[in-house]
Amino acid sequence: MTGQPDRWAELTGGQAGEAYAQRFARLAESGHDIHGEATFCAALLKPAARILDAGCGTGRIAIRLAELGHSCTGVDIDPSMLAVARRDAPTQEWLHGDLARLDALGLKPGLDLVLAAGNVIPLLAPGTESAVVRQLAAALRPDGLLVTGMGLDTAHLPLPEPPVTLAEFDHWCTQAGLTLRQRYATWSGDPYTQGCGYAVSVHTRRTT
């Protein structure tokens, strides 16, 4: 591990929870569908799947997945985000921790799906990305799914330049025993083509 703060903390100072929640509340009030990620994941799963929302933020996706009948735990390193999640869904499991040390949180292994949406991978602490991918993969059952969404250009990232390429991410996944199953340009399932600014990827954990 590098000991550096994650890029999200550098951007927000760890105080973004309420503002982040209010942003999505305004979107919902204006008629936007704010549940695209949950809908996407639910279509991949049988009912009552075990899911980890890695970098869950204020819990928007994890709460919706629970409403759809799945058992969803959220993990985040930002206490201000988790405070909102715990307030909105106090009976759901919310864990405070570093994704690079996910194995220290006592999660029961064999998850059906691990989700890392909302630019989780690009906003990790520099140098921890491959370790986080290994941790997420290790939490899955054989044939379990890692679903990620991440910006690939400045138009889709809150950063001056993209810190992670898709080729690098796929390499980390391969090293972690994952195989790419599907890739899209949006959570609505639009086809991904080379040069797209956003990628939704579905990797599966190899059985051997």
C-alpha atoms as a PDB file:
ATOM      1  CA  MET A   1       0.000   0.000   0.000  1.00  0.00           C
ATOM      2  CA  THR A   2       1.180   3.550  -0.711  1.00  0.00           C
ATOM      3  CA  GLY A   3      -0.034   5.391   2.381  1.00  0.00           C
ATOM      4  CA  GLN A   4      -1.389   8.154   0.139  1.00  0.00           C
ATOM      5  CA  PRO A   5      -4.966   9.394   0.563  1.00  0.00           C
ATOM      6  CA  ASP A   6      -7.468   8.231  -1.998  1.00  0.00           C
ATOM      7  CA  ARG A   7      -8.310  10.642  -4.791  1.00  0.00           C
ATOM      8  CA  TRP A   8     -11.888  10.992  -3.522  1.00  0.00           C
ATOM      9  CA  ALA A   9     -10.642  12.267  -0.146  1.00  0.00           C
ATOM     10  CA  GLU A  10      -8.348  14.728  -1.876  1.00  0.00           C
ATOM     11  CA  LEU A  11     -11.319  16.061  -3.857  1.00  0.00           C
ATOM     12  CA  THR A  12     -13.824  16.276  -1.007  1.00  0.00           C
ATOM     13  CA  GLY A  13     -11.942  16.338   2.270  1.00  0.00           C
ATOM     14  CA  GLY A  14     -14.173  13.500   3.469  1.00  0.00           C
ATOM     15  CA  GLN A  15     -17.132  15.837   3.990  1.00  0.00           C
ATOM     16  CA  ALA A  16     -19.235  15.227   0.877  1.00  0.00           C
ATOM     17  CA  GLY A  17     -21.949  12.916   2.221  1.00  0.00           C
ATOM     18  CA  GLU A  18     -24.859  15.337   2.611  1.00  0.00           C
ATOM     19  CA  ALA A  19     -24.110  17.247  -0.592  1.00  0.00           C
ATOM     20  CA  TYR A  20     -23.816  14.007  -2.548  1.00  0.00           C
ATOM     21  CA  ALA A  21     -27.147  12.749  -1.213  1.00  0.00           C
ATOM     22  CA  GLN A  22     -28.857  16.054  -1.994  1.00  0.00           C
ATOM     23  CA  ARG A  23     -27.569  15.956  -5.564  1.00  0.00           C
ATOM     24  CA  PHE A  24     -29.259  12.626  -6.235  1.00  0.00           C
ATOM     25  CA  ALA A  25     -32.408  13.695  -4.389  1.00  0.00           C
ATOM     26  CA  ARG A  26     -32.695  16.647  -6.771  1.00  0.00           C
ATOM     27  CA  LEU A  27     -32.177  14.367  -9.768  1.00  0.00           C
ATOM     28  CA  ALA A  28     -34.915  12.027  -8.549  1.00  0.00           C
ATOM     29  CA  GLU A  29     -37.286  14.928  -7.944  1.00  0.00           C
ATOM     30  CA  SER A  30     -36.706  16.169 -11.496  1.00  0.00           C
ATOM     31  CA  GLY A  31     -37.718  12.800 -12.926  1.00  0.00           C
ATOM     32  CA  HIS A  32     -34.325  11.225 -13.563  1.00  0.00           C
ATOM     33  CA  ASP A  33     -33.920   7.491 -13.039  1.00  0.00           C
ATOM     34  CA  ILE A  34     -31.273   7.259 -10.319  1.00  0.00           C
ATOM     35  CA  HIS A  35     -31.401   3.470 -10.092  1.00  0.00           C
ATOM     36  CA  GLY A  36     -29.671   2.482 -13.324  1.00  0.00           C
ATOM     37  CA  GLU A  37     -26.793   0.676 -11.636  1.00  0.00           C
ATOM     38  CA  ALA A  38     -29.094  -1.357  -9.381  1.00  0.00           C
ATOM     39  CA  THR A  39     -31.363  -2.269 -12.293  1.00  0.00           C
ATOM     40  CA  PHE A  40     -28.332  -3.351 -14.317  1.00  0.00           C
ATOM     41  CA  CYS A  41     -27.011  -5.574 -11.516  1.00  0.00           C
ATOM     42  CA  ALA A  42     -30.416  -7.066 -10.668  1.00  0.00           C
ATOM     43  CA  ALA A  43     -30.779  -8.239 -14.273  1.00  0.00           C
ATOM     44  CA  LEU A  44     -27.627 -10.353 -13.847  1.00  0.00           C
ATOM     45  CA  LEU A  45     -28.761 -12.123 -10.675  1.00  0.00           C
ATOM     46  CA  LYS A  46     -31.251 -14.565  -9.296  1.00  0.00           C
ATOM     47  CA  PRO A  47     -33.328 -13.346  -6.330  1.00  0.00           C
ATOM     48  CA  ALA A  48     -31.748 -13.066  -2.885  1.00  0.00           C
ATOM     49  CA  ALA A  49     -28.177 -12.827  -4.169  1.00  0.00           C
ATOM     50  CA  ARG A  50     -25.348 -11.809  -1.841  1.00  0.00           C
ATOM     51  CA  ILE A  51     -23.905  -8.501  -3.049  1.00  0.00           C
ATOM     52  CA  LEU A  52     -21.143  -6.173  -1.902  1.00  0.00           C
ATOM     53  CA  ASP A  53     -21.376  -2.519  -2.910  1.00  0.00           C
ATOM     54  CA  ALA A  54     -17.697  -1.552  -2.745  1.00  0.00           C
ATOM     55  CA  GLY A  55     -17.361   2.187  -2.346  1.00  0.00           C
ATOM     56  CA  CYS A  56     -21.069   2.408  -1.571  1.00  0.00           C
ATOM     57  CA  GLY A  57     -21.094   6.105  -0.751  1.00  0.00           C
ATOM     58  CA  THR A  58     -24.448   7.207   0.647  1.00  0.00           C
ATOM     59  CA  GLY A  59     -25.944   3.777  -0.041  1.00  0.00           C
ATOM     60  CA  ARG A  60     -28.168   4.722  -2.973  1.00  0.00           C
ATOM     61  CA  ILE A  61     -27.456   1.558  -4.971  1.00  0.00           C
ATOM     62  CA  ALA A  62     -27.181  -0.864  -2.039  1.00  0.00           C
ATOM     63  CA  ILE A  63     -30.508   0.308  -0.618  1.00  0.00           C
ATOM     64  CA  ARG A  64     -32.216  -0.161  -3.965  1.00  0.00           C
ATOM     65  CA  LEU A  65     -30.738  -3.642  -4.389  1.00  0.00           C
ATOM     66  CA  ALA A  66     -32.067  -4.578  -0.953  1.00  0.00           C
ATOM     67  CA  GLU A  67     -35.498  -3.278  -1.999  1.00  0.00           C
ATOM     68  CA  LEU A  68     -35.264  -5.612  -4.999  1.00  0.00           C
ATOM     69  CA  GLY A  69     -34.799  -8.589  -2.686  1.00  0.00           C
ATOM     70  CA  HIS A  70     -31.044  -8.987  -2.502  1.00  0.00           C
ATOM     71  CA  SER A  71     -28.756  -9.075   0.534  1.00  0.00           C
ATOM     72  CA  CYS A  72     -26.459  -6.111  -0.015  1.00  0.00           C
ATOM     73  CA  THR A  73     -23.646  -4.906   2.233  1.00  0.00           C
ATOM     74  CA  GLY A  74     -22.017  -1.529   1.672  1.00  0.00           C
ATOM     75  CA  VAL A  75     -18.385  -0.639   2.330  1.00  0.00           C
ATOM     76  CA  ASP A  76     -16.876   2.834   2.135  1.00  0.00           C
ATOM     77  CA  ILE A  77     -13.879   4.697   3.520  1.00  0.00           C
ATOM     78  CA  ASP A  78     -15.687   8.049   3.789  1.00  0.00           C
ATOM     79  CA  PRO A  79     -17.516   8.368   7.148  1.00  0.00           C
ATOM     80  CA  SER A  80     -19.620  11.285   5.910  1.00  0.00           C
ATOM     81  CA  MET A  81     -21.061   9.116   3.135  1.00  0.00           C
ATOM     82  CA  LEU A  82     -21.705   6.180   5.458  1.00  0.00           C
ATOM     83  CA  ALA A  83     -23.481   8.452   7.931  1.00  0.00           C
ATOM     84  CA  VAL A  84     -26.112   9.149   5.277  1.00  0.00           C
ATOM     85  CA  ALA A  85     -26.411   5.458   4.385  1.00  0.00           C
ATOM     86  CA  ARG A  86     -26.879   4.458   8.027  1.00  0.00           C
ATOM     87  CA  ARG A  87     -29.491   7.157   8.534  1.00  0.00           C
ATOM     88  CA  ASP A  88     -31.467   6.148   5.432  1.00  0.00           C
ATOM     89  CA  ALA A  89     -31.236   2.361   5.948  1.00  0.00           C
ATOM     90  CA  PRO A  90     -30.323   1.671   9.597  1.00  0.00           C
ATOM     91  CA  THR A  91     -31.017  -2.069   9.422  1.00  0.00           C
ATOM     92  CA  GLN A  92     -28.735  -2.652   6.442  1.00  0.00           C
ATOM     93  CA  GLU A  93     -25.076  -3.614   6.909  1.00  0.00           C
ATOM     94  CA  TRP A  94     -22.652  -0.727   6.396  1.00  0.00           C
ATOM     95  CA  LEU A  95     -18.929  -1.198   6.954  1.00  0.00           C
ATOM     96  CA  HIS A  96     -16.254   1.469   7.253  1.00  0.00           C
ATOM     97  CA  GLY A  97     -13.015   0.344   5.698  1.00  0.00           C
ATOM     98  CA  ASP A  98     -10.359   0.500   3.027  1.00  0.00           C
ATOM     99  CA  LEU A  99     -11.057  -1.633  -0.053  1.00  0.00           C
ATOM    100  CA  ALA A 100      -7.353  -2.460  -0.256  1.00  0.00           C
ATOM    101  CA  ARG A 101      -7.816  -4.230   3.099  1.00  0.00           C
ATOM    102  CA  LEU A 102     -11.255  -5.686   2.467  1.00  0.00           C
ATOM    103  CA  ASP A 103     -10.209  -9.044   3.905  1.00  0.00           C
ATOM    104  CA  ALA A 104      -9.773  -7.384   7.326  1.00  0.00           C
ATOM    105  CA  LEU A 105     -13.470  -6.478   7.559  1.00  0.00           C
ATOM    106  CA  GLY A 106     -14.680 -10.008   8.298  1.00  0.00           C
ATOM    107  CA  LEU A 107     -16.959 -10.379   5.292  1.00  0.00           C
ATOM    108  CA  LYS A 108     -18.196 -13.896   4.639  1.00  0.00           C
ATOM    109  CA  PRO A 109     -16.625 -14.976   1.315  1.00  0.00           C
ATOM    110  CA  GLY A 110     -18.468 -16.413  -1.653  1.00  0.00           C
ATOM    111  CA  LEU A 111     -20.370 -13.330  -2.790  1.00  0.00           C
ATOM    112  CA  ASP A 112     -22.500 -13.559  -5.917  1.00  0.00           C
ATOM    113  CA  LEU A 113     -21.656 -10.056  -7.110  1.00  0.00           C
ATOM    114  CA  VAL A 114     -19.335  -7.230  -6.149  1.00  0.00           C
ATOM    115  CA  LEU A 115     -20.162  -3.778  -7.495  1.00  0.00           C
ATOM    116  CA  ALA A 116     -17.745  -0.857  -7.803  1.00  0.00           C
ATOM    117  CA  ALA A 117     -19.747   1.928  -9.438  1.00  0.00           C
ATOM    118  CA  GLY A 118     -19.400   5.703  -9.344  1.00  0.00           C
ATOM    119  CA  ASN A 119     -15.757   5.869 -10.469  1.00  0.00           C
ATOM    120  CA  VAL A 120     -14.583   3.873  -7.460  1.00  0.00           C
ATOM    121  CA  ILE A 121     -11.563   2.453  -9.290  1.00  0.00           C
ATOM    122  CA  PRO A 122     -10.209   5.768 -10.668  1.00  0.00           C
ATOM    123  CA  LEU A 123     -10.719   7.474  -7.307  1.00  0.00           C
ATOM    124  CA  LEU A 124      -8.701   4.975  -5.267  1.00  0.00           C
ATOM    125  CA  ALA A 125      -5.414   5.902  -3.634  1.00  0.00           C
ATOM    126  CA  PRO A 126      -2.674   5.885  -6.278  1.00  0.00           C
ATOM    127  CA  GLY A 127      -0.862   2.572  -6.406  1.00  0.00           C
ATOM    128  CA  THR A 128      -3.591   0.563  -4.637  1.00  0.00           C
ATOM    129  CA  GLU A 129      -5.728  -0.193  -7.691  1.00  0.00           C
ATOM    130  CA  SER A 130      -4.397  -3.672  -8.439  1.00  0.00           C
ATOM    131  CA  ALA A 131      -4.577  -4.646  -4.754  1.00  0.00           C
ATOM    132  CA  VAL A 132      -8.202  -3.501  -4.568  1.00  0.00           C
ATOM    133  CA  VAL A 133      -9.133  -5.501  -7.658  1.00  0.00           C
ATOM    134  CA  ARG A 134      -7.524  -8.586  -6.086  1.00  0.00           C
ATOM    135  CA  GLN A 135      -9.498  -8.037  -2.880  1.00  0.00           C
ATOM    136  CA  LEU A 136     -12.780  -7.622  -4.740  1.00  0.00           C
ATOM    137  CA  ALA A 137     -12.140 -10.721  -6.835  1.00  0.00           C
ATOM    138  CA  ALA A 138     -11.221 -12.789  -3.770  1.00  0.00           C
ATOM    139  CA  ALA A 139     -14.573 -11.952  -2.167  1.00  0.00           C
ATOM    140  CA  LEU A 140     -16.465 -13.615  -5.029  1.00  0.00           C
ATOM    141  CA  ARG A 141     -17.607 -17.198  -5.344  1.00  0.00           C
ATOM    142  CA  PRO A 142     -16.407 -19.099  -8.439  1.00  0.00           C
ATOM    143  CA  ASP A 143     -18.348 -17.669 -11.412  1.00  0.00           C
ATOM    144  CA  GLY A 144     -19.296 -14.649  -9.262  1.00  0.00           C
ATOM    145  CA  LEU A 145     -19.417 -11.281 -10.982  1.00  0.00           C
ATOM    146  CA  LEU A 146     -17.405  -8.087 -10.569  1.00  0.00           C
ATOM    147  CA  VAL A 147     -19.360  -5.167 -12.035  1.00  0.00           C
ATOM    148  CA  THR A 148     -17.605  -1.832 -12.428  1.00  0.00           C
ATOM    149  CA  GLY A 149     -18.370   1.548 -13.910  1.00  0.00           C
ATOM    150  CA  MET A 150     -15.683   4.118 -14.538  1.00  0.00           C
ATOM    151  CA  GLY A 151     -14.896   7.199 -16.550  1.00  0.00           C
ATOM    152  CA  LEU A 152     -12.095   7.037 -19.066  1.00  0.00           C
ATOM    153  CA  ASP A 153     -11.803  10.724 -19.949  1.00  0.00           C
ATOM    154  CA  THR A 154     -12.057  14.061 -18.195  1.00  0.00           C
ATOM    155  CA  ALA A 155     -15.680  14.510 -19.279  1.00  0.00           C
ATOM    156  CA  HIS A 156     -16.631  11.502 -17.145  1.00  0.00           C
ATOM    157  CA  LEU A 157     -14.267  12.073 -14.205  1.00  0.00           C
ATOM    158  CA  PRO A 158     -13.928  14.742 -11.500  1.00  0.00           C
ATOM    159  CA  LEU A 159     -10.183  14.782 -12.190  1.00  0.00           C
ATOM    160  CA  PRO A 160      -7.884  16.803 -14.464  1.00  0.00           C
ATOM    161  CA  GLU A 161      -6.805  13.628 -16.263  1.00  0.00           C
ATOM    162  CA  PRO A 162      -7.746   9.933 -16.198  1.00  0.00           C
ATOM    163  CA  PRO A 163      -5.500   8.063 -13.747  1.00  0.00           C
ATOM    164  CA  VAL A 164      -6.448   4.584 -15.019  1.00  0.00           C
ATOM    165  CA  THR A 165      -6.763   3.144 -18.513  1.00  0.00           C
ATOM    166  CA  LEU A 166      -9.136   0.361 -19.456  1.00  0.00           C
ATOM    167  CA  ALA A 167      -6.174  -1.765 -20.542  1.00  0.00           C
ATOM    168  CA  GLU A 168      -4.596  -1.395 -17.103  1.00  0.00           C
ATOM    169  CA  PHE A 169      -7.873  -2.278 -15.390  1.00  0.00           C
ATOM    170  CA  ASP A 170      -8.354  -5.382 -17.540  1.00  0.00           C
ATOM    171  CA  HIS A 171      -4.786  -6.435 -16.773  1.00  0.00           C
ATOM    172  CA  TRP A 172      -5.415  -6.179 -13.031  1.00  0.00           C
ATOM    173  CA  CYS A 173      -8.593  -8.208 -13.473  1.00  0.00           C
ATOM    174  CA  THR A 174      -6.753 -10.924 -15.384  1.00  0.00           C
ATOM    175  CA  GLN A 175      -4.095 -11.077 -12.673  1.00  0.00           C
ATOM    176  CA  ALA A 176      -6.862 -11.453 -10.081  1.00  0.00           C
ATOM    177  CA  GLY A 177      -8.412 -14.446 -11.848  1.00  0.00           C
ATOM    178  CA  LEU A 178     -11.214 -12.589 -13.596  1.00  0.00           C
ATOM    179  CA  THR A 179     -12.412 -12.847 -17.195  1.00  0.00           C
ATOM    180  CA  LEU A 180     -14.246 -10.115 -19.072  1.00  0.00           C
ATOM    181  CA  ARG A 181     -17.792 -11.218 -19.858  1.00  0.00           C
ATOM    182  CA  GLN A 182     -19.514  -8.066 -21.083  1.00  0.00           C
ATOM    183  CA  ARG A 183     -18.756  -4.392 -21.561  1.00  0.00           C
ATOM    184  CA  TYR A 184     -21.096  -1.479 -22.178  1.00  0.00           C
ATOM    185  CA  ALA A 185     -20.855   2.292 -22.542  1.00  0.00           C
ATOM    186  CA  THR A 186     -23.663   3.010 -20.064  1.00  0.00           C
ATOM    187  CA  TRP A 187     -25.661   1.404 -17.270  1.00  0.00           C
ATOM    188  CA  SER A 188     -28.547   1.245 -19.753  1.00  0.00           C
ATOM    189  CA  GLY A 189     -26.569  -1.276 -21.804  1.00  0.00           C
ATOM    190  CA  ASP A 190     -25.525   0.886 -24.745  1.00  0.00           C
ATOM    191  CA  PRO A 191     -22.798  -0.842 -26.776  1.00  0.00           C
ATOM    192  CA  TYR A 192     -19.215  -0.048 -25.883  1.00  0.00           C
ATOM    193  CA  THR A 193     -16.937   1.001 -28.723  1.00  0.00           C
ATOM    194  CA  GLN A 194     -13.274   1.927 -28.643  1.00  0.00           C
ATOM    195  CA  GLY A 195     -12.846   5.477 -27.444  1.00  0.00           C
ATOM    196  CA  CYS A 196     -16.005   5.657 -25.330  1.00  0.00           C
ATOM    197  CA  GLY A 197     -15.602   7.938 -22.340  1.00  0.00           C
ATOM    198  CA  TYR A 198     -17.239   5.538 -19.896  1.00  0.00           C
ATOM    199  CA  ALA A 199     -17.127   1.765 -19.461  1.00  0.00           C
ATOM    200  CA  VAL A 200     -19.432  -0.573 -17.550  1.00  0.00           C
ATOM    201  CA  SER A 201     -17.625  -3.892 -17.281  1.00  0.00           C
ATOM    202  CA  VAL A 202     -18.797  -7.306 -16.116  1.00  0.00           C
ATOM    203  CA  HIS A 203     -15.995  -9.682 -15.163  1.00  0.00           C
ATOM    204  CA  THR A 204     -16.494 -13.200 -13.843  1.00  0.00           C
ATOM    205  CA  ARG A 205     -14.262 -15.060 -11.440  1.00  0.00           C
ATOM    206  CA  ARG A 206     -12.715 -18.087 -13.089  1.00  0.00           C
ATOM    207  CA  THR A 207     -13.415 -21.457 -11.527  1.00  0.00           C
ATOM    208  CA  THR A 208      -9.871 -22.741 -12.043  1.00  0.00           C
END
